Protein backbone atom coordinates (compact mmCIF):
# COMPACT_ATOMS: atom_id res chain seq x y z
CA UNK A 1 0.00 0.00 0.00
CA UNK A 2 2.89 2.31 0.84
CA UNK A 3 6.25 2.23 -0.87
CA UNK A 4 9.01 4.40 0.59
CA UNK A 5 6.32 6.55 2.20
CA UNK A 6 4.41 7.02 -1.05
CA UNK A 7 1.02 5.53 -1.93
CA UNK A 8 1.10 2.71 -4.48
CA UNK A 9 -1.14 3.77 -7.37
CA UNK A 10 -4.57 2.19 -7.15
CA UNK A 11 -4.03 0.68 -3.70
CA UNK A 12 -6.68 2.61 -1.78
CA UNK A 13 -9.24 2.08 -4.55
CA UNK A 14 -8.49 -1.66 -4.66
CA UNK A 15 -8.94 -1.99 -0.91
CA UNK A 16 -12.22 -0.07 -1.08
CA UNK A 17 -13.52 -2.43 -3.77
CA UNK A 18 -12.51 -5.47 -1.72
CA UNK A 19 -14.21 -4.12 1.39
CA UNK A 20 -17.34 -3.27 -0.61
CA UNK A 21 -17.81 -7.01 -1.25
CA UNK A 22 -18.05 -7.59 2.51
CA UNK A 23 -14.60 -9.13 2.75
CA UNK A 24 -12.05 -8.25 5.43
CA UNK A 25 -8.81 -6.48 4.60
CA UNK A 26 -5.85 -7.25 6.86
CA UNK A 27 -2.43 -5.61 6.65
CA UNK A 28 0.67 -7.74 7.28
CA UNK A 29 4.05 -6.05 7.10
CA UNK A 30 7.62 -6.99 7.93
CA UNK A 31 8.23 -3.40 9.06
CA UNK A 32 9.70 -3.44 12.56
CA UNK A 33 10.41 0.26 13.00
CA UNK A 34 6.90 1.53 13.75
CA UNK A 35 4.12 0.54 16.13
CA UNK A 36 0.91 -0.97 14.83
CA UNK A 37 -0.84 2.25 15.73
CA UNK A 38 1.59 4.28 13.64
CA UNK A 39 1.18 1.92 10.69
CA UNK A 40 -2.60 2.08 11.02
CA UNK A 41 -2.51 5.88 11.13
CA UNK A 42 -0.38 5.93 7.97
CA UNK A 43 -2.91 3.73 6.19
CA UNK A 44 -5.82 5.89 7.30
CA UNK A 45 -3.87 8.92 6.09
CA UNK A 46 -3.92 7.56 2.54
CA UNK A 47 -7.59 6.70 2.64
CA UNK A 48 -7.41 3.07 3.75
CA UNK A 49 -9.48 2.31 6.88
CA UNK A 50 -7.32 0.20 9.17
CA UNK A 51 -8.42 -0.70 12.69
CA UNK A 52 -5.65 -1.68 15.08
CA UNK A 53 -6.74 -5.32 15.09
CA UNK A 54 -6.31 -5.47 11.30
CA UNK A 55 -2.62 -4.48 11.41
CA UNK A 56 0.15 -7.05 11.95
CA UNK A 57 3.81 -6.04 11.93
CA UNK A 58 6.96 -8.09 12.46
CA UNK A 59 7.59 -6.02 15.61
CA UNK A 60 4.18 -6.82 17.12
CA UNK A 61 4.31 -10.47 16.10
CA UNK A 62 7.83 -10.84 17.51
CA UNK A 63 6.56 -9.40 20.79
CA UNK A 64 3.70 -11.88 20.75
CA UNK A 65 6.05 -14.78 20.00
CA UNK A 66 8.41 -13.81 22.82
CA UNK A 67 5.49 -13.47 25.23
CA UNK A 68 4.50 -17.03 24.41
CA UNK A 69 8.05 -18.09 25.39
CA UNK A 70 7.64 -16.33 28.77
CA UNK A 71 10.50 -13.92 28.01
CA UNK A 72 10.60 -11.08 30.54
CA UNK A 73 13.61 -8.88 29.72
CA UNK A 74 14.79 -7.94 26.22
CA UNK A 75 17.73 -6.09 24.71
CA UNK A 76 16.59 -4.24 21.59
CA UNK A 77 18.54 -3.46 18.42
CA UNK A 78 16.06 -1.28 16.59
CA UNK A 79 13.73 1.66 17.04
CA UNK A 80 11.92 2.97 20.09
CA UNK A 81 8.73 1.76 18.43
CA UNK A 82 10.01 -1.82 18.46
CA UNK A 83 10.76 -1.42 22.15
CA UNK A 84 7.26 -0.02 22.67
CA UNK A 85 5.66 -3.07 21.06
CA UNK A 86 7.70 -5.37 23.29
CA UNK A 87 6.80 -3.34 26.37
CA UNK A 88 3.12 -3.40 25.41
CA UNK A 89 3.34 -7.20 25.41
CA UNK A 90 4.58 -7.10 29.01
CA UNK A 91 8.35 -7.24 28.54
CA UNK A 92 10.95 -4.96 30.04
CA UNK A 93 13.48 -3.37 27.71
CA UNK A 94 16.87 -3.43 29.47
CA UNK A 95 20.32 -1.95 28.87
CA UNK A 96 22.16 -4.19 31.31
CA UNK A 97 23.84 -7.04 29.43
CA UNK A 98 23.34 -9.42 32.32
CA UNK A 99 19.58 -8.93 32.58
CA UNK A 100 18.49 -9.75 29.04
CA UNK A 101 16.63 -13.00 28.40
CA UNK A 102 16.57 -12.27 24.66
CA UNK A 103 18.17 -9.98 22.10
CA UNK A 104 15.64 -8.72 19.56
CA UNK A 105 16.96 -7.50 16.21
CA UNK A 106 14.92 -5.08 14.11
CA UNK A 107 15.77 -2.32 11.64
CA UNK A 108 16.32 1.36 12.38
CA UNK A 109 16.42 3.17 9.04
CA UNK A 110 18.11 6.19 10.64
CA UNK A 111 21.31 4.19 11.12
CA UNK A 112 23.48 2.64 8.43
CA UNK A 113 23.57 -1.13 8.50
CA UNK A 114 26.90 -2.19 9.96
CA UNK A 115 27.39 0.82 12.23
CA UNK A 116 29.17 -0.31 15.39
CA UNK A 117 26.37 0.94 17.73
CA UNK A 118 24.00 -1.53 16.10
CA UNK A 119 26.09 -4.51 17.18
CA UNK A 120 26.03 -6.06 20.62
CA UNK A 121 28.29 -5.20 23.54
CA UNK A 122 30.98 -7.88 23.90
CA UNK A 123 29.61 -9.27 27.16
CA UNK A 124 26.12 -9.67 25.69
CA UNK A 125 27.48 -11.30 22.53
CA UNK A 126 29.26 -13.85 24.72
CA UNK A 127 26.02 -14.63 26.56
CA UNK A 128 24.22 -15.12 23.24
CA UNK A 129 27.06 -17.32 21.95
CA UNK A 130 26.78 -19.48 25.07
CA UNK A 131 22.97 -19.67 24.60
CA UNK A 132 22.44 -17.98 27.94
CA UNK A 133 20.37 -15.42 26.05
CA UNK A 134 18.06 -15.97 23.07
CA UNK A 135 18.63 -14.26 19.73
CA UNK A 136 15.45 -13.39 17.83
CA UNK A 137 15.09 -11.51 14.54
CA UNK A 138 12.02 -9.62 13.36
CA UNK A 139 12.66 -10.76 9.78
CA UNK A 140 15.37 -11.82 7.34
CA UNK A 141 14.60 -9.36 4.53
CA UNK A 142 17.99 -8.41 3.09
CA UNK A 143 16.48 -5.33 1.44
CA UNK A 144 13.31 -3.29 1.31
CA UNK A 145 12.14 -1.10 -1.59
CA UNK A 146 13.11 2.56 -1.28
CA UNK A 147 12.19 5.50 -3.53
CA UNK A 148 11.78 4.58 -7.22
CA UNK A 149 12.21 0.92 -6.33
CA UNK A 150 15.82 1.35 -5.19
CA UNK A 151 16.68 -1.42 -2.71
CA UNK A 152 17.73 -0.38 0.79
CA UNK A 153 19.51 -2.62 3.34
CA UNK A 154 17.00 -4.50 5.45
CA UNK A 155 16.69 -6.14 8.85
CA UNK A 156 18.16 -9.38 7.56
CA UNK A 157 21.54 -7.74 7.03
CA UNK A 158 21.59 -6.45 10.60
CA UNK A 159 20.64 -9.88 11.90
CA UNK A 160 23.40 -11.49 9.83
CA UNK A 161 25.96 -9.13 11.39
CA UNK A 162 24.80 -10.05 14.88
CA UNK A 163 24.82 -13.77 14.07
CA UNK A 164 28.38 -13.44 12.80
CA UNK A 165 29.44 -11.58 15.95
CA UNK A 166 27.86 -14.22 18.18
CA UNK A 167 28.99 -17.18 16.09
CA UNK A 168 25.57 -18.77 15.80
CA UNK A 169 22.22 -18.50 14.06
CA UNK A 170 19.18 -16.84 15.59
CA UNK A 171 16.91 -19.00 17.71
CA UNK A 172 13.93 -17.70 15.77
CA UNK A 173 13.00 -15.27 13.03
CA UNK A 174 9.35 -14.36 13.42
CA UNK A 175 8.33 -12.21 10.43
CA UNK A 176 7.45 -13.28 6.90
CA UNK A 177 7.99 -15.76 5.27
CA UNK A 178 7.63 -17.62 8.57
CA UNK A 179 3.97 -18.55 9.12
CA UNK A 180 3.43 -16.95 12.55
CA UNK A 181 2.03 -13.63 11.31
CA UNK A 182 -0.51 -15.17 8.96
CA UNK A 183 -1.46 -17.94 11.38
CA UNK A 184 -2.18 -15.46 14.16
CA UNK A 185 -4.07 -13.11 11.85
CA UNK A 186 -6.18 -16.04 10.66
CA UNK A 187 -6.89 -17.24 14.20
CA UNK A 188 -7.72 -13.74 15.45
CA UNK A 189 -10.23 -13.22 12.64
CA UNK A 190 -11.52 -16.80 12.52
CA UNK A 191 -10.33 -17.48 9.01
CA UNK A 192 -9.21 -20.75 7.44
CA UNK A 193 -6.26 -20.75 5.02
CA UNK A 194 -8.61 -21.49 2.10
CA UNK A 195 -10.47 -18.24 2.88
CA UNK A 196 -7.38 -16.04 2.57
CA UNK A 197 -5.87 -14.40 -0.49
CA UNK A 198 -2.40 -13.00 0.21
CA UNK A 199 -1.42 -10.04 -1.99
CA UNK A 200 2.25 -9.08 -1.85
CA UNK A 201 5.15 -7.50 -3.70
CA UNK A 202 7.85 -9.79 -2.30
CA UNK A 203 8.13 -13.28 -3.77
CA UNK A 204 10.38 -14.39 -0.92
CA UNK A 205 8.54 -12.92 2.07
CA UNK A 206 4.88 -12.37 1.15
CA UNK A 207 4.32 -15.19 -1.28
CA UNK A 208 6.69 -17.46 0.60
CA UNK A 209 4.49 -17.08 3.68
CA UNK A 210 1.30 -17.69 1.70
CA UNK A 211 2.65 -20.87 0.18
CA UNK A 212 3.82 -22.20 3.55
CA UNK A 213 0.32 -21.68 4.92
CA UNK A 214 -1.52 -23.09 1.89
CA UNK A 215 -3.22 -19.80 1.00
CA UNK A 216 -4.10 -18.45 -2.42
CA UNK A 217 -1.77 -15.64 -3.45
CA UNK A 218 -1.37 -12.78 -5.91
CA UNK A 219 2.14 -11.54 -6.58
CA UNK A 220 2.31 -7.87 -7.62
CA UNK A 221 5.91 -6.75 -8.34
CA UNK A 222 6.76 -3.49 -6.60
CA UNK A 223 6.58 -0.33 -8.76
CA UNK A 224 10.01 0.48 -10.13
CA UNK A 225 11.11 -3.14 -10.05
CA UNK A 226 10.86 -3.29 -13.83
CA UNK A 227 7.94 -3.57 -16.21
CA UNK A 228 9.11 -6.95 -17.50
CA UNK A 229 10.16 -8.45 -14.18
CA UNK A 230 10.55 -12.19 -14.83
CA UNK A 231 8.01 -14.47 -13.23
CA UNK A 232 9.55 -16.53 -10.38
CA UNK A 233 10.40 -19.92 -11.88
CA UNK A 234 8.04 -21.99 -9.74
CA UNK A 235 5.07 -19.58 -9.84
CA UNK A 236 3.49 -21.23 -12.88
CA UNK A 237 3.51 -24.59 -11.09
CA UNK A 238 1.39 -23.39 -8.16
CA UNK A 239 -2.38 -23.59 -8.81
CA UNK A 240 -3.05 -21.33 -5.81
CA UNK A 241 -1.22 -18.35 -7.26
CA UNK A 242 -1.37 -15.65 -9.83
CA UNK A 243 1.06 -12.95 -10.97
CA UNK A 244 -0.55 -9.54 -11.52
CA UNK A 245 0.68 -6.42 -13.28
CA UNK A 246 -0.77 -4.05 -10.66
CA UNK A 247 -2.69 -4.02 -7.39
CA UNK A 248 -5.68 -2.59 -9.26
CA UNK A 249 -6.31 -6.06 -10.69
CA UNK A 250 -6.89 -7.65 -7.27
CA UNK A 251 -10.66 -7.00 -6.98
CA UNK A 252 -11.26 -8.61 -10.38
CA UNK A 253 -9.83 -11.97 -9.30
CA UNK A 254 -11.81 -12.28 -6.07
CA UNK A 255 -14.38 -15.02 -6.06
CA UNK A 256 -12.64 -17.09 -8.70
CA UNK A 257 -11.50 -20.56 -7.77
CA UNK A 258 -7.68 -20.51 -7.58
CA UNK A 259 -7.45 -23.67 -9.67
CA UNK A 260 -9.26 -21.88 -12.49
CA UNK A 261 -6.89 -18.90 -12.56
CA UNK A 262 -5.03 -18.39 -15.80
CA UNK A 263 -1.99 -16.21 -16.41
């Protein structure tokens, strides 16, 4: 819906058409730098009604996942908004290396990936290496689309730096394409996988999540990615999916049986 802070052409109209059919519209994003409230406000600002319970971010879902693991104290690499989501889920954000039960890695776009302040203090890195402290990433996106489709370094690159420093892989990565976000959204809104159409501009994250969960999907390449962006090689083999030229085409495919879709 938003790309580098700008509205994707036709997005608000497409959502309005979908909602006019009586269907729900849910918003799932790997963004970890803003609260759900901030994301919802941004959607409302471009003419897309978005109640708080319709917005799912990798920050909020990571907080929910950690809560389910009974984590109490977290060390945050990321924005204040990520810390706020964790605090809202009942966790305490700490700056004492010895107190942290988990290190949570998100993305702060104000800092360059690889800046020394984004890495862990040596004592905390040792605790993570010894598995005395969990390491959890919001997502593994190596890039995200910036202005004019220019790729910017993503959370996945920050997480990779931390994993290298600690000498081990993260205990969990919660955002897309992992299924947690979609599974929780479906449970919260009493939806079965067969009732969900996932629309996304990332083959790896959005469509990867949909395929793991057995949902129908529509892949819409991000504006600026190239008019003749090649179709992912295994897309044509999946009867649940369709590749679209623009988000404006989404309302037209609703109600059609996925198996009957043609490209």
